[in-house]
């Protein structure tokens, strides 16, 4: 062990460490799993397909609304901070 620590590691070729998956790749992977399970559920329970589709539409609309709301608040806060900086 001591020999490896002192100079033995120099004799071994290293490997390139793969970079961590980006958040978007991770998101796409998880969304793919969710969609796959949703299709399976709709196959087994076709009567709930319309209710499930409405739920997805509501979720997407709510997500866009919340995102716009949050971004608007952040933009207003940034503008307010800029005005305060200009005054001082």
C-alpha atoms as a PDB file:
ATOM      1  CA  UNK A   1       0.000   0.000   0.000  1.00  0.00           C
ATOM      2  CA  UNK A   2       2.800   2.395   0.918  1.00  0.00           C
ATOM      3  CA  UNK A   3       4.588   1.707  -2.352  1.00  0.00           C
ATOM      4  CA  UNK A   4       1.446   2.548  -4.328  1.00  0.00           C
ATOM      5  CA  UNK A   5       0.973   5.807  -2.447  1.00  0.00           C
ATOM      6  CA  UNK A   6       4.603   6.846  -2.866  1.00  0.00           C
ATOM      7  CA  UNK A   7       5.013   6.225  -6.598  1.00  0.00           C
ATOM      8  CA  UNK A   8       3.006   3.168  -7.644  1.00  0.00           C
ATOM      9  CA  UNK A   9       0.075   5.280  -8.817  1.00  0.00           C
ATOM     10  CA  UNK A  10       2.321   6.778 -11.502  1.00  0.00           C
ATOM     11  CA  UNK A  11       2.568   3.415 -13.262  1.00  0.00           C
ATOM     12  CA  UNK A  12      -1.195   3.065 -13.677  1.00  0.00           C
ATOM     13  CA  UNK A  13      -3.157   4.769 -16.450  1.00  0.00           C
ATOM     14  CA  UNK A  14      -6.040   6.854 -15.236  1.00  0.00           C
ATOM     15  CA  UNK A  15      -9.624   6.790 -16.446  1.00  0.00           C
ATOM     16  CA  UNK A  16     -11.695   9.735 -17.462  1.00  0.00           C
ATOM     17  CA  UNK A  17     -14.419  10.363 -14.919  1.00  0.00           C
ATOM     18  CA  UNK A  18     -17.793  10.884 -16.595  1.00  0.00           C
ATOM     19  CA  UNK A  19     -19.401  14.218 -15.900  1.00  0.00           C
ATOM     20  CA  UNK A  20     -22.517  14.335 -13.791  1.00  0.00           C
ATOM     21  CA  UNK A  21     -25.668  14.210 -15.874  1.00  0.00           C
ATOM     22  CA  UNK A  22     -27.189  17.606 -16.418  1.00  0.00           C
ATOM     23  CA  UNK A  23     -30.443  18.477 -14.717  1.00  0.00           C
ATOM     24  CA  UNK A  24     -32.218  18.536 -18.047  1.00  0.00           C
ATOM     25  CA  UNK A  25     -31.095  14.992 -18.861  1.00  0.00           C
ATOM     26  CA  UNK A  26     -32.215  13.859 -15.441  1.00  0.00           C
ATOM     27  CA  UNK A  27     -35.544  15.650 -15.888  1.00  0.00           C
ATOM     28  CA  UNK A  28     -36.087  14.045 -19.304  1.00  0.00           C
ATOM     29  CA  UNK A  29     -35.242  10.618 -17.909  1.00  0.00           C
ATOM     30  CA  UNK A  30     -37.719  10.971 -15.040  1.00  0.00           C
ATOM     31  CA  UNK A  31     -40.408  12.417 -17.292  1.00  0.00           C
ATOM     32  CA  UNK A  32     -39.950   9.463 -19.633  1.00  0.00           C
ATOM     33  CA  UNK A  33     -40.523   7.092 -16.724  1.00  0.00           C
ATOM     34  CA  UNK A  34     -43.607   9.034 -15.615  1.00  0.00           C
ATOM     35  CA  UNK A  35     -45.058   9.034 -19.143  1.00  0.00           C
ATOM     36  CA  UNK A  36     -44.358   5.326 -19.499  1.00  0.00           C
ATOM     37  CA  UNK A  37     -46.173   4.568 -16.234  1.00  0.00           C
ATOM     38  CA  UNK A  38     -49.037   6.890 -17.181  1.00  0.00           C
ATOM     39  CA  UNK A  39     -49.518   5.060 -20.486  1.00  0.00           C
ATOM     40  CA  UNK A  40     -49.494   1.758 -18.615  1.00  0.00           C
ATOM     41  CA  UNK A  41     -52.123   3.056 -16.173  1.00  0.00           C
ATOM     42  CA  UNK A  42     -54.323   4.341 -18.986  1.00  0.00           C
ATOM     43  CA  UNK A  43     -54.047   0.956 -20.683  1.00  0.00           C
ATOM     44  CA  UNK A  44     -55.194  -0.883 -17.573  1.00  0.00           C
ATOM     45  CA  UNK A  45     -57.818   1.704 -16.567  1.00  0.00           C
ATOM     46  CA  UNK A  46     -59.143   3.255 -19.794  1.00  0.00           C
ATOM     47  CA  UNK A  47     -62.121   4.852 -18.031  1.00  0.00           C
ATOM     48  CA  UNK A  48     -59.809   7.138 -16.092  1.00  0.00           C
ATOM     49  CA  UNK A  49     -57.880   8.298 -19.168  1.00  0.00           C
ATOM     50  CA  UNK A  50     -59.915  11.481 -19.620  1.00  0.00           C
ATOM     51  CA  UNK A  51     -59.608  12.376 -15.944  1.00  0.00           C
ATOM     52  CA  UNK A  52     -55.883  11.726 -16.071  1.00  0.00           C
ATOM     53  CA  UNK A  53     -55.493  13.862 -19.210  1.00  0.00           C
ATOM     54  CA  UNK A  54     -57.375  16.733 -17.561  1.00  0.00           C
ATOM     55  CA  UNK A  55     -55.127  16.439 -14.535  1.00  0.00           C
ATOM     56  CA  UNK A  56     -52.030  16.681 -16.708  1.00  0.00           C
ATOM     57  CA  UNK A  57     -53.392  19.718 -18.550  1.00  0.00           C
ATOM     58  CA  UNK A  58     -54.235  21.403 -15.232  1.00  0.00           C
ATOM     59  CA  UNK A  59     -50.767  20.626 -13.877  1.00  0.00           C
ATOM     60  CA  UNK A  60     -49.006  22.046 -16.945  1.00  0.00           C
ATOM     61  CA  UNK A  61     -51.147  25.208 -16.944  1.00  0.00           C
ATOM     62  CA  UNK A  62     -50.586  25.717 -13.224  1.00  0.00           C
ATOM     63  CA  UNK A  63     -46.841  25.180 -13.667  1.00  0.00           C
ATOM     64  CA  UNK A  64     -46.632  27.857 -16.370  1.00  0.00           C
ATOM     65  CA  UNK A  65     -48.736  30.246 -14.295  1.00  0.00           C
ATOM     66  CA  UNK A  66     -46.570  29.736 -11.205  1.00  0.00           C
ATOM     67  CA  UNK A  67     -43.367  30.096 -13.201  1.00  0.00           C
ATOM     68  CA  UNK A  68     -44.559  33.353 -14.781  1.00  0.00           C
ATOM     69  CA  UNK A  69     -45.708  34.640 -11.389  1.00  0.00           C
ATOM     70  CA  UNK A  70     -42.385  33.841  -9.726  1.00  0.00           C
ATOM     71  CA  UNK A  71     -40.323  35.282 -12.588  1.00  0.00           C
ATOM     72  CA  UNK A  72     -42.430  38.461 -12.537  1.00  0.00           C
ATOM     73  CA  UNK A  73     -41.865  38.850  -8.785  1.00  0.00           C
ATOM     74  CA  UNK A  74     -38.119  38.307  -9.212  1.00  0.00           C
ATOM     75  CA  UNK A  75     -37.968  40.858 -12.021  1.00  0.00           C
ATOM     76  CA  UNK A  76     -39.782  43.455  -9.902  1.00  0.00           C
ATOM     77  CA  UNK A  77     -37.461  42.767  -6.974  1.00  0.00           C
ATOM     78  CA  UNK A  78     -34.433  43.158  -9.243  1.00  0.00           C
ATOM     79  CA  UNK A  79     -35.769  46.474 -10.586  1.00  0.00           C
ATOM     80  CA  UNK A  80     -36.390  47.679  -7.036  1.00  0.00           C
ATOM     81  CA  UNK A  81     -32.850  46.702  -6.002  1.00  0.00           C
ATOM     82  CA  UNK A  82     -31.419  48.533  -9.024  1.00  0.00           C
ATOM     83  CA  UNK A  83     -33.338  51.693  -8.110  1.00  0.00           C
ATOM     84  CA  UNK A  84     -32.022  51.510  -4.544  1.00  0.00           C
ATOM     85  CA  UNK A  85     -28.447  51.082  -5.833  1.00  0.00           C
ATOM     86  CA  UNK A  86     -28.799  54.105  -8.117  1.00  0.00           C
ATOM     87  CA  UNK A  87     -30.020  56.280  -5.232  1.00  0.00           C
ATOM     88  CA  UNK A  88     -27.015  55.447  -3.085  1.00  0.00           C
END
